[in-house]
PDB file of N, CA and C in Angstrom:
ATOM      1  N   UNK A   1      -0.829  67.416 138.451  1.00  0.00           N
ATOM      2  CA  UNK A   1      -1.790  67.463 139.177  1.00  0.00           C
ATOM      3  C   UNK A   1      -3.186  67.282 138.577  1.00  0.00           C
ATOM      4  N   UNK A   2      -4.275  66.706 139.309  1.00  0.00           N
ATOM      5  CA  UNK A   2      -5.641  66.401 138.605  1.00  0.00           C
ATOM      6  C   UNK A   2      -6.281  67.514 138.288  1.00  0.00           C
ATOM      7  N   UNK A   3      -7.054  67.585 137.366  1.00  0.00           N
ATOM      8  CA  UNK A   3      -7.835  68.696 137.082  1.00  0.00           C
ATOM      9  C   UNK A   3      -9.404  68.128 137.398  1.00  0.00           C
ATOM     10  N   UNK A   4     -10.177  68.966 137.853  1.00  0.00           N
ATOM     11  CA  UNK A   4     -11.417  68.672 138.069  1.00  0.00           C
ATOM     12  C   UNK A   4     -12.331  69.887 137.594  1.00  0.00           C
ATOM     13  N   UNK A   5     -13.927  69.570 137.215  1.00  0.00           N
ATOM     14  CA  UNK A   5     -14.596  70.628 136.588  1.00  0.00           C
ATOM     15  C   UNK A   5     -15.384  71.339 137.823  1.00  0.00           C
ATOM     16  N   UNK A   6     -15.008  70.785 139.023  1.00  0.00           N
ATOM     17  CA  UNK A   6     -15.854  71.406 140.026  1.00  0.00           C
ATOM     18  C   UNK A   6     -14.849  72.174 141.102  1.00  0.00           C
ATOM     19  N   UNK A   7     -15.247  73.289 141.565  1.00  0.00           N
ATOM     20  CA  UNK A   7     -14.291  74.142 142.420  1.00  0.00           C
ATOM     21  C   UNK A   7     -15.140  74.457 143.746  1.00  0.00           C
ATOM     22  N   UNK A   8     -14.169  74.778 144.708  1.00  0.00           N
ATOM     23  CA  UNK A   8     -14.460  75.419 145.851  1.00  0.00           C
ATOM     24  C   UNK A   8     -15.550  76.485 145.678  1.00  0.00           C
ATOM     25  N   UNK A   9     -16.717  76.549 146.391  1.00  0.00           N
ATOM     26  CA  UNK A   9     -17.791  77.660 146.301  1.00  0.00           C
ATOM     27  C   UNK A   9     -18.852  77.410 145.023  1.00  0.00           C
ATOM     28  N   UNK A  10     -18.635  76.249 144.264  1.00  0.00           N
ATOM     29  CA  UNK A  10     -19.756  75.992 143.572  1.00  0.00           C
ATOM     30  C   UNK A  10     -20.921  75.483 144.230  1.00  0.00           C
ATOM     31  N   UNK A  11     -22.006  75.242 143.597  1.00  0.00           N
ATOM     32  CA  UNK A  11     -23.011  74.708 144.239  1.00  0.00           C
ATOM     33  C   UNK A  11     -23.218  73.422 143.110  1.00  0.00           C
ATOM     34  N   UNK A  12     -23.457  72.222 144.064  1.00  0.00           N
ATOM     35  CA  UNK A  12     -23.510  70.974 143.380  1.00  0.00           C
ATOM     36  C   UNK A  12     -24.713  70.311 143.794  1.00  0.00           C
ATOM     37  N   UNK A  13     -25.200  69.261 143.141  1.00  0.00           N
ATOM     38  CA  UNK A  13     -26.303  68.270 143.284  1.00  0.00           C
ATOM     39  C   UNK A  13     -25.500  66.999 143.403  1.00  0.00           C
ATOM     40  N   UNK A  14     -26.140  66.087 144.410  1.00  0.00           N
ATOM     41  CA  UNK A  14     -25.696  64.732 144.434  1.00  0.00           C
ATOM     42  C   UNK A  14     -26.354  63.762 143.679  1.00  0.00           C
ATOM     43  N   UNK A  15     -26.001  62.953 142.787  1.00  0.00           N
ATOM     44  CA  UNK A  15     -26.423  62.297 141.810  1.00  0.00           C
ATOM     45  C   UNK A  15     -26.575  60.770 142.099  1.00  0.00           C
ATOM     46  N   UNK A  16     -25.823  60.253 143.204  1.00  0.00           N
ATOM     47  CA  UNK A  16     -26.051  58.813 143.252  1.00  0.00           C
ATOM     48  C   UNK A  16     -25.746  58.855 144.978  1.00  0.00           C
ATOM     49  N   UNK A  17     -26.277  57.634 145.466  1.00  0.00           N
ATOM     50  CA  UNK A  17     -25.997  57.394 146.973  1.00  0.00           C
ATOM     51  C   UNK A  17     -27.316  57.647 147.644  1.00  0.00           C
ATOM     52  N   UNK A  18     -27.239  57.649 149.033  1.00  0.00           N
ATOM     53  CA  UNK A  18     -28.430  58.027 149.654  1.00  0.00           C
ATOM     54  C   UNK A  18     -28.533  59.357 150.061  1.00  0.00           C
ATOM     55  N   UNK A  19     -27.827  60.131 149.390  1.00  0.00           N
ATOM     56  CA  UNK A  19     -28.162  61.783 149.502  1.00  0.00           C
ATOM     57  C   UNK A  19     -28.466  62.145 148.254  1.00  0.00           C
ATOM     58  N   UNK A  20     -28.725  61.308 147.183  1.00  0.00           N
ATOM     59  CA  UNK A  20     -29.289  61.571 146.022  1.00  0.00           C
ATOM     60  C   UNK A  20     -30.068  62.912 145.991  1.00  0.00           C
ATOM     61  N   UNK A  21     -29.921  63.750 144.913  1.00  0.00           N
ATOM     62  CA  UNK A  21     -30.965  64.937 144.829  1.00  0.00           C
ATOM     63  C   UNK A  21     -30.802  66.091 145.827  1.00  0.00           C
ATOM     64  N   UNK A  22     -29.786  65.907 146.736  1.00  0.00           N
ATOM     65  CA  UNK A  22     -29.621  67.025 147.809  1.00  0.00           C
ATOM     66  C   UNK A  22     -28.641  68.004 147.118  1.00  0.00           C
ATOM     67  N   UNK A  23     -28.628  69.460 147.156  1.00  0.00           N
ATOM     68  CA  UNK A  23     -27.690  70.393 146.654  1.00  0.00           C
ATOM     69  C   UNK A  23     -27.190  70.843 147.734  1.00  0.00           C
ATOM     70  N   UNK A  24     -25.873  71.642 147.746  1.00  0.00           N
ATOM     71  CA  UNK A  24     -25.142  72.137 148.452  1.00  0.00           C
ATOM     72  C   UNK A  24     -23.927  72.811 147.973  1.00  0.00           C
ATOM     73  N   UNK A  25     -23.288  73.692 148.746  1.00  0.00           N
ATOM     74  CA  UNK A  25     -22.053  74.583 148.261  1.00  0.00           C
ATOM     75  C   UNK A  25     -20.730  73.464 148.570  1.00  0.00           C
ATOM     76  N   UNK A  26     -19.804  73.592 147.632  1.00  0.00           N
ATOM     77  CA  UNK A  26     -18.761  72.928 147.853  1.00  0.00           C
ATOM     78  C   UNK A  26     -17.885  73.761 148.777  1.00  0.00           C
ATOM     79  N   UNK A  27     -17.511  72.953 149.954  1.00  0.00           N
ATOM     80  CA  UNK A  27     -16.656  73.619 151.137  1.00  0.00           C
ATOM     81  C   UNK A  27     -15.141  73.367 150.744  1.00  0.00           C
ATOM     82  N   UNK A  28     -14.735  72.338 150.232  1.00  0.00           N
ATOM     83  CA  UNK A  28     -13.392  71.737 149.931  1.00  0.00           C
ATOM     84  C   UNK A  28     -13.210  70.882 148.991  1.00  0.00           C
ATOM     85  N   UNK A  29     -12.243  70.802 147.968  1.00  0.00           N
ATOM     86  CA  UNK A  29     -11.963  69.773 146.976  1.00  0.00           C
ATOM     87  C   UNK A  29     -10.669  69.125 147.644  1.00  0.00           C
ATOM     88  N   UNK A  30     -10.774  67.887 147.556  1.00  0.00           N
ATOM     89  CA  UNK A  30      -9.631  66.926 148.149  1.00  0.00           C
ATOM     90  C   UNK A  30      -9.237  66.121 147.044  1.00  0.00           C
ATOM     91  N   UNK A  31      -8.246  67.063 146.116  1.00  0.00           N
ATOM     92  CA  UNK A  31      -7.595  66.408 144.929  1.00  0.00           C
ATOM     93  C   UNK A  31      -7.036  65.020 145.157  1.00  0.00           C
ATOM     94  N   UNK A  32      -6.306  64.773 146.091  1.00  0.00           N
ATOM     95  CA  UNK A  32      -5.486  63.507 146.237  1.00  0.00           C
ATOM     96  C   UNK A  32      -6.291  62.465 146.489  1.00  0.00           C
ATOM     97  N   UNK A  33      -7.664  62.333 147.112  1.00  0.00           N
ATOM     98  CA  UNK A  33      -8.359  61.438 147.081  1.00  0.00           C
ATOM     99  C   UNK A  33      -9.799  61.679 146.281  1.00  0.00           C
ATOM    100  N   UNK A  34      -9.917  62.555 145.367  1.00  0.00           N
ATOM    101  CA  UNK A  34     -11.007  62.567 144.216  1.00  0.00           C
ATOM    102  C   UNK A  34     -12.337  62.722 144.947  1.00  0.00           C
ATOM    103  N   UNK A  35     -12.318  63.578 146.008  1.00  0.00           N
ATOM    104  CA  UNK A  35     -13.540  63.630 146.870  1.00  0.00           C
ATOM    105  C   UNK A  35     -13.862  65.219 147.028  1.00  0.00           C
ATOM    106  N   UNK A  36     -15.102  65.428 147.435  1.00  0.00           N
ATOM    107  CA  UNK A  36     -15.353  66.915 147.699  1.00  0.00           C
ATOM    108  C   UNK A  36     -16.198  66.878 148.931  1.00  0.00           C
ATOM    109  N   UNK A  37     -16.043  68.036 149.758  1.00  0.00           N
ATOM    110  CA  UNK A  37     -16.859  68.317 150.939  1.00  0.00           C
ATOM    111  C   UNK A  37     -18.021  69.127 150.542  1.00  0.00           C
ATOM    112  N   UNK A  38     -19.354  68.802 150.730  1.00  0.00           N
ATOM    113  CA  UNK A  38     -20.290  69.746 150.241  1.00  0.00           C
ATOM    114  C   UNK A  38     -21.240  69.967 151.707  1.00  0.00           C
ATOM    115  N   UNK A  39     -21.688  71.294 151.909  1.00  0.00           N
ATOM    116  CA  UNK A  39     -22.167  71.779 153.090  1.00  0.00           C
ATOM    117  C   UNK A  39     -23.659  71.213 153.202  1.00  0.00           C
ATOM    118  N   UNK A  40     -23.723  70.659 154.555  1.00  0.00           N
ATOM    119  CA  UNK A  40     -24.986  70.054 154.922  1.00  0.00           C
ATOM    120  C   UNK A  40     -25.435  68.728 153.998  1.00  0.00           C
ATOM    121  N   UNK A  41     -24.427  68.235 153.555  1.00  0.00           N
ATOM    122  CA  UNK A  41     -24.828  66.794 152.737  1.00  0.00           C
ATOM    123  C   UNK A  41     -23.802  65.844 153.473  1.00  0.00           C
ATOM    124  N   UNK A  42     -24.196  64.633 153.550  1.00  0.00           N
ATOM    125  CA  UNK A  42     -23.570  63.497 154.010  1.00  0.00           C
ATOM    126  C   UNK A  42     -23.001  63.753 155.387  1.00  0.00           C
ATOM    127  N   UNK A  43     -23.550  64.262 156.194  1.00  0.00           N
ATOM    128  CA  UNK A  43     -23.243  64.548 157.614  1.00  0.00           C
ATOM    129  C   UNK A  43     -23.165  63.219 158.607  1.00  0.00           C
ATOM    130  N   UNK A  44     -21.927  63.152 159.153  1.00  0.00           N
ATOM    131  CA  UNK A  44     -21.776  62.264 160.076  1.00  0.00           C
ATOM    132  C   UNK A  44     -21.556  62.527 161.452  1.00  0.00           C
ATOM    133  N   UNK A  45     -21.870  61.895 162.640  1.00  0.00           N
ATOM    134  CA  UNK A  45     -21.661  62.055 163.851  1.00  0.00           C
ATOM    135  C   UNK A  45     -20.431  61.520 164.404  1.00  0.00           C
ATOM    136  N   UNK A  46     -19.675  62.288 165.492  1.00  0.00           N
ATOM    137  CA  UNK A  46     -18.370  61.833 166.004  1.00  0.00           C
ATOM    138  C   UNK A  46     -18.743  61.992 167.169  1.00  0.00           C
ATOM    139  N   UNK A  47     -18.447  61.142 168.218  1.00  0.00           N
ATOM    140  CA  UNK A  47     -18.148  61.364 169.517  1.00  0.00           C
ATOM    141  C   UNK A  47     -17.037  61.847 170.207  1.00  0.00           C
ATOM    142  N   UNK A  48     -16.960  63.200 171.005  1.00  0.00           N
ATOM    143  CA  UNK A  48     -15.736  63.416 171.477  1.00  0.00           C
ATOM    144  C   UNK A  48     -15.705  63.308 172.955  1.00  0.00           C
ATOM    145  N   UNK A  49     -14.469  62.772 173.355  1.00  0.00           N
ATOM    146  CA  UNK A  49     -14.258  62.544 174.830  1.00  0.00           C
ATOM    147  C   UNK A  49     -14.438  63.703 175.600  1.00  0.00           C
ATOM    148  N   UNK A  50     -14.863  63.545 176.806  1.00  0.00           N
ATOM    149  CA  UNK A  50     -14.563  64.801 177.695  1.00  0.00           C
ATOM    150  C   UNK A  50     -13.078  64.975 178.194  1.00  0.00           C
ATOM    151  N   UNK A  51     -12.734  66.339 178.294  1.00  0.00           N
ATOM    152  CA  UNK A  51     -11.777  66.607 178.813  1.00  0.00           C
ATOM    153  C   UNK A  51     -11.732  67.614 180.170  1.00  0.00           C
ATOM    154  N   UNK A  52     -10.636  68.091 180.726  1.00  0.00           N
ATOM    155  CA  UNK A  52     -10.985  68.990 181.899  1.00  0.00           C
ATOM    156  C   UNK A  52     -11.538  70.198 181.477  1.00  0.00           C
ATOM    157  N   UNK A  53     -11.408  70.623 180.383  1.00  0.00           N
ATOM    158  CA  UNK A  53     -11.608  72.101 179.946  1.00  0.00           C
ATOM    159  C   UNK A  53     -13.231  71.932 179.175  1.00  0.00           C
ATOM    160  N   UNK A  54     -13.547  70.729 178.514  1.00  0.00           N
ATOM    161  CA  UNK A  54     -14.911  70.586 178.058  1.00  0.00           C
ATOM    162  C   UNK A  54     -15.497  69.327 178.165  1.00  0.00           C
ATOM    163  N   UNK A  55     -16.881  69.349 178.289  1.00  0.00           N
ATOM    164  CA  UNK A  55     -17.538  68.208 178.256  1.00  0.00           C
ATOM    165  C   UNK A  55     -17.430  67.398 177.039  1.00  0.00           C
ATOM    166  N   UNK A  56     -17.968  66.036 177.156  1.00  0.00           N
ATOM    167  CA  UNK A  56     -18.102  65.328 175.914  1.00  0.00           C
ATOM    168  C   UNK A  56     -19.422  65.689 175.391  1.00  0.00           C
ATOM    169  N   UNK A  57     -19.148  65.461 173.921  1.00  0.00           N
ATOM    170  CA  UNK A  57     -20.342  66.019 172.954  1.00  0.00           C
ATOM    171  C   UNK A  57     -20.391  65.028 171.940  1.00  0.00           C
ATOM    172  N   UNK A  58     -21.341  64.991 171.181  1.00  0.00           N
ATOM    173  CA  UNK A  58     -21.648  64.365 169.611  1.00  0.00           C
ATOM    174  C   UNK A  58     -21.483  65.504 168.737  1.00  0.00           C
ATOM    175  N   UNK A  59     -20.467  65.624 167.762  1.00  0.00           N
ATOM    176  CA  UNK A  59     -20.267  66.526 166.890  1.00  0.00           C
ATOM    177  C   UNK A  59     -20.682  66.073 165.463  1.00  0.00           C
ATOM    178  N   UNK A  60     -21.350  66.971 164.786  1.00  0.00           N
ATOM    179  CA  UNK A  60     -21.958  66.724 163.547  1.00  0.00           C
ATOM    180  C   UNK A  60     -20.929  67.483 162.530  1.00  0.00           C
ATOM    181  N   UNK A  61     -20.485  66.600 161.380  1.00  0.00           N
ATOM    182  CA  UNK A  61     -19.668  67.334 160.520  1.00  0.00           C
ATOM    183  C   UNK A  61     -19.813  66.745 159.042  1.00  0.00           C
ATOM    184  N   UNK A  62     -19.390  67.393 158.051  1.00  0.00           N
ATOM    185  CA  UNK A  62     -19.484  66.616 156.696  1.00  0.00           C
ATOM    186  C   UNK A  62     -18.613  65.568 156.401  1.00  0.00           C
ATOM    187  N   UNK A  63     -18.815  64.843 155.524  1.00  0.00           N
ATOM    188  CA  UNK A  63     -17.898  63.753 155.161  1.00  0.00           C
ATOM    189  C   UNK A  63     -17.804  63.588 153.675  1.00  0.00           C
ATOM    190  N   UNK A  64     -16.754  63.383 153.154  1.00  0.00           N
ATOM    191  CA  UNK A  64     -16.422  63.788 151.638  1.00  0.00           C
ATOM    192  C   UNK A  64     -17.291  62.739 150.905  1.00  0.00           C
ATOM    193  N   UNK A  65     -17.596  62.973 149.740  1.00  0.00           N
ATOM    194  CA  UNK A  65     -18.281  62.402 148.687  1.00  0.00           C
ATOM    195  C   UNK A  65     -17.374  62.333 147.711  1.00  0.00           C
ATOM    196  N   UNK A  66     -17.331  61.113 146.791  1.00  0.00           N
ATOM    197  CA  UNK A  66     -16.711  61.101 145.505  1.00  0.00           C
ATOM    198  C   UNK A  66     -17.059  62.089 144.565  1.00  0.00           C
ATOM    199  N   UNK A  67     -16.304  62.678 143.786  1.00  0.00           N
ATOM    200  CA  UNK A  67     -16.471  63.639 142.957  1.00  0.00           C
ATOM    201  C   UNK A  67     -17.282  63.233 141.807  1.00  0.00           C
ATOM    202  N   UNK A  68     -17.320  61.984 141.259  1.00  0.00           N
ATOM    203  CA  UNK A  68     -18.060  61.422 140.353  1.00  0.00           C
ATOM    204  C   UNK A  68     -19.561  61.482 140.773  1.00  0.00           C
ATOM    205  N   UNK A  69     -19.758  61.472 142.046  1.00  0.00           N
ATOM    206  CA  UNK A  69     -21.183  61.527 142.377  1.00  0.00           C
ATOM    207  C   UNK A  69     -21.896  62.756 142.759  1.00  0.00           C
ATOM    208  N   UNK A  70     -21.227  63.940 142.227  1.00  0.00           N
ATOM    209  CA  UNK A  70     -21.834  65.163 142.394  1.00  0.00           C
ATOM    210  C   UNK A  70     -21.633  65.981 140.852  1.00  0.00           C
ATOM    211  N   UNK A  71     -22.582  66.674 140.629  1.00  0.00           N
ATOM    212  CA  UNK A  71     -22.847  67.497 139.188  1.00  0.00           C
ATOM    213  C   UNK A  71     -23.041  68.887 139.652  1.00  0.00           C
ATOM    214  N   UNK A  72     -22.604  69.750 138.816  1.00  0.00           N
ATOM    215  CA  UNK A  72     -22.765  71.304 139.069  1.00  0.00           C
ATOM    216  C   UNK A  72     -24.203  71.518 138.808  1.00  0.00           C
ATOM    217  N   UNK A  73     -24.644  72.408 139.682  1.00  0.00           N
ATOM    218  CA  UNK A  73     -26.031  72.582 139.493  1.00  0.00           C
ATOM    219  C   UNK A  73     -26.510  74.072 139.213  1.00  0.00           C
ATOM    220  N   UNK A  74     -27.274  74.253 138.196  1.00  0.00           N
ATOM    221  CA  UNK A  74     -27.556  75.459 137.596  1.00  0.00           C
ATOM    222  C   UNK A  74     -28.952  75.987 138.488  1.00  0.00           C
ATOM    223  N   UNK A  75     -28.879  76.858 139.203  1.00  0.00           N
ATOM    224  CA  UNK A  75     -30.091  77.371 140.077  1.00  0.00           C
ATOM    225  C   UNK A  75     -30.959  78.167 139.496  1.00  0.00           C
ATOM    226  N   UNK A  76     -30.676  78.883 138.439  1.00  0.00           N
ATOM    227  CA  UNK A  76     -31.769  79.447 137.601  1.00  0.00           C
ATOM    228  C   UNK A  76     -32.744  78.515 136.806  1.00  0.00           C
ATOM    229  N   UNK A  77     -32.035  77.618 136.040  1.00  0.00           N
ATOM    230  CA  UNK A  77     -32.991  76.748 135.398  1.00  0.00           C
ATOM    231  C   UNK A  77     -33.213  75.489 136.210  1.00  0.00           C
ATOM    232  N   UNK A  78     -32.729  75.163 137.591  1.00  0.00           N
ATOM    233  CA  UNK A  78     -32.911  74.135 138.292  1.00  0.00           C
ATOM    234  C   UNK A  78     -32.621  72.731 137.701  1.00  0.00           C
ATOM    235  N   UNK A  79     -31.331  72.620 137.084  1.00  0.00           N
ATOM    236  CA  UNK A  79     -31.055  71.625 136.378  1.00  0.00           C
ATOM    237  C   UNK A  79     -29.512  71.155 136.572  1.00  0.00           C
ATOM    238  N   UNK A  80     -29.029  69.941 136.655  1.00  0.00           N
ATOM    239  CA  UNK A  80     -27.558  69.748 136.591  1.00  0.00           C
ATOM    240  C   UNK A  80     -26.724  70.118 134.970  1.00  0.00           C
ATOM    241  N   UNK A  81     -25.676  70.318 135.350  1.00  0.00           N
ATOM    242  CA  UNK A  81     -25.038  70.764 134.198  1.00  0.00           C
ATOM    243  C   UNK A  81     -23.865  69.829 133.927  1.00  0.00           C
ATOM    244  N   UNK A  82     -23.542  69.701 132.563  1.00  0.00           N
ATOM    245  CA  UNK A  82     -22.353  69.065 131.923  1.00  0.00           C
ATOM    246  C   UNK A  82     -21.425  70.330 131.884  1.00  0.00           C
ATOM    247  N   UNK A  83     -20.190  70.051 132.233  1.00  0.00           N
ATOM    248  CA  UNK A  83     -19.243  71.152 132.143  1.00  0.00           C
ATOM    249  C   UNK A  83     -18.051  70.791 130.967  1.00  0.00           C
ATOM    250  N   UNK A  84     -17.801  71.887 130.173  1.00  0.00           N
ATOM    251  CA  UNK A  84     -16.736  71.824 129.171  1.00  0.00           C
ATOM    252  C   UNK A  84     -15.860  73.046 129.480  1.00  0.00           C
ATOM    253  N   UNK A  85     -14.811  72.899 128.612  1.00  0.00           N
ATOM    254  CA  UNK A  85     -13.730  74.094 128.770  1.00  0.00           C
ATOM    255  C   UNK A  85     -13.592  74.557 127.360  1.00  0.00           C
ATOM    256  N   UNK A  86     -13.575  76.006 127.225  1.00  0.00           N
ATOM    257  CA  UNK A  86     -13.251  76.782 126.083  1.00  0.00           C
ATOM    258  C   UNK A  86     -12.194  77.795 126.313  1.00  0.00           C
ATOM    259  N   UNK A  87     -11.650  78.310 125.442  1.00  0.00           N
ATOM    260  CA  UNK A  87     -10.722  79.433 125.588  1.00  0.00           C
ATOM    261  C   UNK A  87     -11.205  80.585 124.903  1.00  0.00           C
ATOM    262  N   UNK A  88     -11.541  81.541 125.685  1.00  0.00           N
ATOM    263  CA  UNK A  88     -12.118  82.792 125.241  1.00  0.00           C
ATOM    264  C   UNK A  88     -11.407  83.926 125.615  1.00  0.00           C
ATOM    265  N   UNK A  89     -10.985  84.789 124.735  1.00  0.00           N
ATOM    266  CA  UNK A  89      -9.828  85.884 124.805  1.00  0.00           C
ATOM    267  C   UNK A  89      -8.591  85.530 125.652  1.00  0.00           C
ATOM    268  N   UNK A  90      -8.150  84.474 125.075  1.00  0.00           N
ATOM    269  CA  UNK A  90      -6.835  84.001 125.777  1.00  0.00           C
ATOM    270  C   UNK A  90      -7.090  83.319 127.183  1.00  0.00           C
ATOM    271  N   UNK A  91      -8.240  83.212 127.393  1.00  0.00           N
ATOM    272  CA  UNK A  91      -8.350  82.582 128.868  1.00  0.00           C
ATOM    273  C   UNK A  91      -9.431  81.316 129.047  1.00  0.00           C
ATOM    274  N   UNK A  92      -8.615  80.459 129.759  1.00  0.00           N
ATOM    275  CA  UNK A  92      -9.633  79.084 129.645  1.00  0.00           C
ATOM    276  C   UNK A  92     -10.597  79.154 130.742  1.00  0.00           C
ATOM    277  N   UNK A  93     -12.037  78.863 130.337  1.00  0.00           N
ATOM    278  CA  UNK A  93     -13.184  79.264 131.175  1.00  0.00           C
ATOM    279  C   UNK A  93     -13.901  78.066 131.062  1.00  0.00           C
ATOM    280  N   UNK A  94     -14.855  77.488 132.133  1.00  0.00           N
ATOM    281  CA  UNK A  94     -15.899  76.557 132.043  1.00  0.00           C
ATOM    282  C   UNK A  94     -16.936  77.058 131.597  1.00  0.00           C
ATOM    283  N   UNK A  95     -17.694  76.050 130.805  1.00  0.00           N
ATOM    284  CA  UNK A  95     -18.988  76.514 129.974  1.00  0.00           C
ATOM    285  C   UNK A  95     -19.916  75.377 130.292  1.00  0.00           C
ATOM    286  N   UNK A  96     -21.132  75.891 130.124  1.00  0.00           N
ATOM    287  CA  UNK A  96     -22.193  74.798 130.082  1.00  0.00           C
ATOM    288  C   UNK A  96     -22.277  74.078 128.812  1.00  0.00           C
ATOM    289  N   UNK A  97     -22.346  72.882 128.578  1.00  0.00           N
ATOM    290  CA  UNK A  97     -22.290  72.276 127.541  1.00  0.00           C
ATOM    291  C   UNK A  97     -23.719  72.342 126.747  1.00  0.00           C
ATOM    292  N   UNK A  98     -24.823  72.485 127.486  1.00  0.00           N
ATOM    293  CA  UNK A  98     -26.104  72.547 126.658  1.00  0.00           C
ATOM    294  C   UNK A  98     -26.260  74.104 126.259  1.00  0.00           C
ATOM    295  N   UNK A  99     -26.139  74.993 127.099  1.00  0.00           N
ATOM    296  CA  UNK A  99     -26.301  76.348 126.555  1.00  0.00           C
ATOM    297  C   UNK A  99     -25.219  77.184 126.030  1.00  0.00           C
ATOM    298  N   UNK A 100     -24.043  76.588 126.412  1.00  0.00           N
ATOM    299  CA  UNK A 100     -22.614  77.179 125.933  1.00  0.00           C
ATOM    300  C   UNK A 100     -22.404  78.528 126.665  1.00  0.00           C
ATOM    301  N   UNK A 101     -23.052  78.566 127.757  1.00  0.00           N
ATOM    302  CA  UNK A 101     -22.910  79.867 128.480  1.00  0.00           C
ATOM    303  C   UNK A 101     -21.794  79.797 129.538  1.00  0.00           C
ATOM    304  N   UNK A 102     -21.005  80.730 129.921  1.00  0.00           N
ATOM    305  CA  UNK A 102     -19.815  80.752 130.650  1.00  0.00           C
ATOM    306  C   UNK A 102     -20.205  80.641 132.110  1.00  0.00           C
ATOM    307  N   UNK A 103     -19.550  79.779 132.950  1.00  0.00           N
ATOM    308  CA  UNK A 103     -19.885  79.276 134.306  1.00  0.00           C
ATOM    309  C   UNK A 103     -19.176  80.267 135.361  1.00  0.00           C
ATOM    310  N   UNK A 104     -17.716  80.396 134.914  1.00  0.00           N
ATOM    311  CA  UNK A 104     -16.907  81.146 135.792  1.00  0.00           C
ATOM    312  C   UNK A 104     -17.222  82.541 135.804  1.00  0.00           C
ATOM    313  N   UNK A 105     -17.113  83.085 137.106  1.00  0.00           N
ATOM    314  CA  UNK A 105     -17.387  84.582 137.228  1.00  0.00           C
ATOM    315  C   UNK A 105     -15.811  85.375 137.464  1.00  0.00           C
ATOM    316  N   UNK A 106     -15.943  86.462 136.696  1.00  0.00           N
ATOM    317  CA  UNK A 106     -14.730  87.143 137.023  1.00  0.00           C
ATOM    318  C   UNK A 106     -13.783  86.814 135.849  1.00  0.00           C
TER     319      UNK A 106
END
């Protein structure tokens, strides 16, 4: 199984592409495709055909972004972070490489 340094619920910033600079919360990590769904980023419109129960509409939803095009965002210092791993008290945790502070909560 692939290991990623970004998890569901993390706040990330887009580092490449037409949405560069936008930040959002990770809704889902698609491990088999190396992609993430970020809230309110890379939104696409889909046309939904009308049925007998509902009228036709144009729905907006998030499209996945490649995981290499996002970075973890530090909201306090307003900067992107490089993430590393450390074993602290027998537990493997994510740490910020610049400040060596623990990212994982709990």
